[in-house]
């Protein structure tokens, strides 16, 4: 029963994000896309290394 409550909360949160994202979001300009394209791979790499270290420590 708890699992169904958690899943329904997650579904409601995602539905709200999609609704408000489609309604109020502005398209990104090219400068912003370039900035995020430089930063995002570095952040993904850091998260992967962090999760690898966490997995190896436990």
N, C-alpha and C. Protein backbone atom coordinates (compact mmCIF):
# COMPACT_ATOMS: atom_id res chain seq x y z
N UNK A 1 0.82 -1.19 0.00
CA UNK A 1 0.00 0.00 0.00
C UNK A 1 0.87 1.27 0.00
N UNK A 2 1.95 1.21 0.78
CA UNK A 2 2.86 2.36 0.86
C UNK A 2 3.46 2.62 -0.52
N UNK A 3 3.80 1.55 -1.23
CA UNK A 3 4.39 1.70 -2.56
C UNK A 3 3.45 2.43 -3.51
N UNK A 4 2.17 2.11 -3.45
CA UNK A 4 1.21 2.79 -4.31
C UNK A 4 1.09 4.28 -3.97
N UNK A 5 1.17 4.61 -2.70
CA UNK A 5 1.13 6.01 -2.29
C UNK A 5 2.35 6.75 -2.81
N UNK A 6 3.53 6.14 -2.67
CA UNK A 6 4.76 6.76 -3.16
C UNK A 6 4.71 6.94 -4.67
N UNK A 7 4.28 5.91 -5.39
CA UNK A 7 4.19 6.00 -6.85
C UNK A 7 3.19 7.06 -7.29
N UNK A 8 2.08 7.18 -6.59
CA UNK A 8 1.10 8.19 -6.97
C UNK A 8 1.64 9.60 -6.69
N UNK A 9 2.41 9.78 -5.62
CA UNK A 9 3.03 11.08 -5.34
C UNK A 9 4.05 11.43 -6.41
N UNK A 10 4.85 10.45 -6.82
CA UNK A 10 5.84 10.69 -7.87
C UNK A 10 5.13 11.03 -9.18
N UNK A 11 4.08 10.30 -9.51
CA UNK A 11 3.33 10.57 -10.73
C UNK A 11 2.72 11.97 -10.70
N UNK A 12 2.17 12.36 -9.57
CA UNK A 12 1.58 13.69 -9.45
C UNK A 12 2.64 14.78 -9.60
N UNK A 13 3.81 14.56 -9.00
CA UNK A 13 4.89 15.55 -9.11
C UNK A 13 5.36 15.68 -10.55
N UNK A 14 5.52 14.57 -11.25
CA UNK A 14 5.95 14.62 -12.65
C UNK A 14 4.88 15.28 -13.51
N UNK A 15 3.63 14.98 -13.25
CA UNK A 15 2.55 15.60 -14.02
C UNK A 15 2.53 17.11 -13.81
N UNK A 16 2.76 17.56 -12.58
CA UNK A 16 2.82 19.00 -12.32
C UNK A 16 4.01 19.65 -13.02
N UNK A 17 5.16 18.98 -13.01
CA UNK A 17 6.34 19.53 -13.69
C UNK A 17 6.09 19.65 -15.18
N UNK A 18 5.47 18.66 -15.77
CA UNK A 18 5.18 18.71 -17.20
C UNK A 18 4.18 19.81 -17.50
N UNK A 19 3.14 19.90 -16.70
CA UNK A 19 2.11 20.93 -16.92
C UNK A 19 2.70 22.33 -16.84
N UNK A 20 3.41 22.63 -15.75
CA UNK A 20 3.97 23.96 -15.59
C UNK A 20 5.13 24.21 -16.53
N UNK A 21 5.88 23.18 -16.87
CA UNK A 21 6.97 23.34 -17.82
C UNK A 21 6.47 23.70 -19.21
N UNK A 22 5.41 23.07 -19.64
CA UNK A 22 4.85 23.40 -20.96
C UNK A 22 4.18 24.77 -20.97
N UNK A 23 3.63 25.17 -19.85
CA UNK A 23 2.88 26.42 -19.81
C UNK A 23 3.79 27.64 -19.66
N UNK A 24 4.79 27.56 -18.78
CA UNK A 24 5.56 28.74 -18.44
C UNK A 24 7.02 28.72 -18.90
N UNK A 25 7.49 27.63 -19.45
CA UNK A 25 8.90 27.54 -19.83
C UNK A 25 9.19 28.38 -21.07
N UNK A 26 10.38 28.99 -21.07
CA UNK A 26 10.83 29.74 -22.25
C UNK A 26 11.86 28.89 -22.98
N UNK A 27 11.90 28.96 -24.29
CA UNK A 27 12.94 28.22 -25.01
C UNK A 27 14.32 28.80 -24.72
N UNK A 28 15.31 27.93 -24.68
CA UNK A 28 16.67 28.38 -24.42
C UNK A 28 17.28 28.97 -25.68
N UNK A 29 18.08 30.00 -25.50
CA UNK A 29 18.80 30.54 -26.65
C UNK A 29 20.10 29.75 -26.83
N UNK A 30 20.79 30.01 -27.93
CA UNK A 30 21.98 29.23 -28.27
C UNK A 30 23.10 29.41 -27.25
N UNK A 31 23.21 30.59 -26.68
CA UNK A 31 24.27 30.84 -25.70
C UNK A 31 24.07 29.99 -24.45
N UNK A 32 22.83 29.90 -23.99
CA UNK A 32 22.53 29.08 -22.82
C UNK A 32 22.77 27.61 -23.12
N UNK A 33 22.39 27.15 -24.31
CA UNK A 33 22.60 25.76 -24.67
C UNK A 33 24.08 25.42 -24.70
N UNK A 34 24.90 26.32 -25.21
CA UNK A 34 26.35 26.09 -25.24
C UNK A 34 26.91 26.01 -23.84
N UNK A 35 26.42 26.87 -22.95
CA UNK A 35 26.90 26.86 -21.56
C UNK A 35 26.56 25.54 -20.89
N UNK A 36 25.32 25.08 -21.05
CA UNK A 36 24.92 23.82 -20.43
C UNK A 36 25.61 22.63 -21.10
N UNK A 37 25.89 22.72 -22.37
CA UNK A 37 26.57 21.62 -23.06
C UNK A 37 28.00 21.47 -22.57
N UNK A 38 28.59 22.54 -22.08
CA UNK A 38 29.95 22.45 -21.52
C UNK A 38 29.91 21.90 -20.10
N UNK A 39 28.93 22.29 -19.31
CA UNK A 39 28.88 21.93 -17.90
C UNK A 39 28.31 20.54 -17.66
N UNK A 40 27.30 20.15 -18.42
CA UNK A 40 26.57 18.91 -18.15
C UNK A 40 27.43 17.66 -18.21
N UNK A 41 28.29 17.45 -19.22
CA UNK A 41 29.12 16.24 -19.20
C UNK A 41 30.04 16.16 -17.98
N UNK A 42 30.54 17.30 -17.53
CA UNK A 42 31.39 17.32 -16.33
C UNK A 42 30.59 16.90 -15.10
N UNK A 43 29.37 17.40 -14.97
CA UNK A 43 28.53 17.03 -13.83
C UNK A 43 28.16 15.55 -13.85
N UNK A 44 27.87 15.03 -15.03
CA UNK A 44 27.56 13.60 -15.14
C UNK A 44 28.76 12.76 -14.74
N UNK A 45 29.94 13.17 -15.18
CA UNK A 45 31.17 12.45 -14.83
C UNK A 45 31.39 12.47 -13.31
N UNK A 46 31.18 13.62 -12.68
CA UNK A 46 31.37 13.73 -11.23
C UNK A 46 30.37 12.84 -10.49
N UNK A 47 29.13 12.82 -10.94
CA UNK A 47 28.12 11.98 -10.29
C UNK A 47 28.46 10.50 -10.45
N UNK A 48 28.93 10.10 -11.64
CA UNK A 48 29.30 8.70 -11.85
C UNK A 48 30.47 8.30 -10.97
N UNK A 49 31.48 9.14 -10.87
CA UNK A 49 32.62 8.84 -10.02
C UNK A 49 32.18 8.78 -8.55
N UNK A 50 31.32 9.71 -8.14
CA UNK A 50 30.82 9.69 -6.76
C UNK A 50 30.04 8.43 -6.45
N UNK A 51 29.19 7.99 -7.37
CA UNK A 51 28.42 6.77 -7.11
C UNK A 51 29.32 5.54 -7.15
N UNK A 52 30.36 5.55 -7.96
CA UNK A 52 31.32 4.44 -7.98
C UNK A 52 32.06 4.36 -6.65
N UNK A 53 32.50 5.51 -6.14
CA UNK A 53 33.19 5.52 -4.84
C UNK A 53 32.26 5.07 -3.73
N UNK A 54 31.02 5.52 -3.76
CA UNK A 54 30.04 5.12 -2.75
C UNK A 54 29.79 3.62 -2.80
N UNK A 55 29.71 3.07 -4.02
CA UNK A 55 29.47 1.64 -4.16
C UNK A 55 30.67 0.84 -3.65
N UNK A 56 31.88 1.32 -3.92
CA UNK A 56 33.07 0.59 -3.50
C UNK A 56 33.30 0.68 -2.00
N UNK A 57 32.84 1.75 -1.36
CA UNK A 57 33.02 1.91 0.08
C UNK A 57 32.08 1.04 0.89
N UNK A 58 30.94 0.69 0.34
CA UNK A 58 29.98 -0.11 1.12
C UNK A 58 30.15 -1.59 0.92
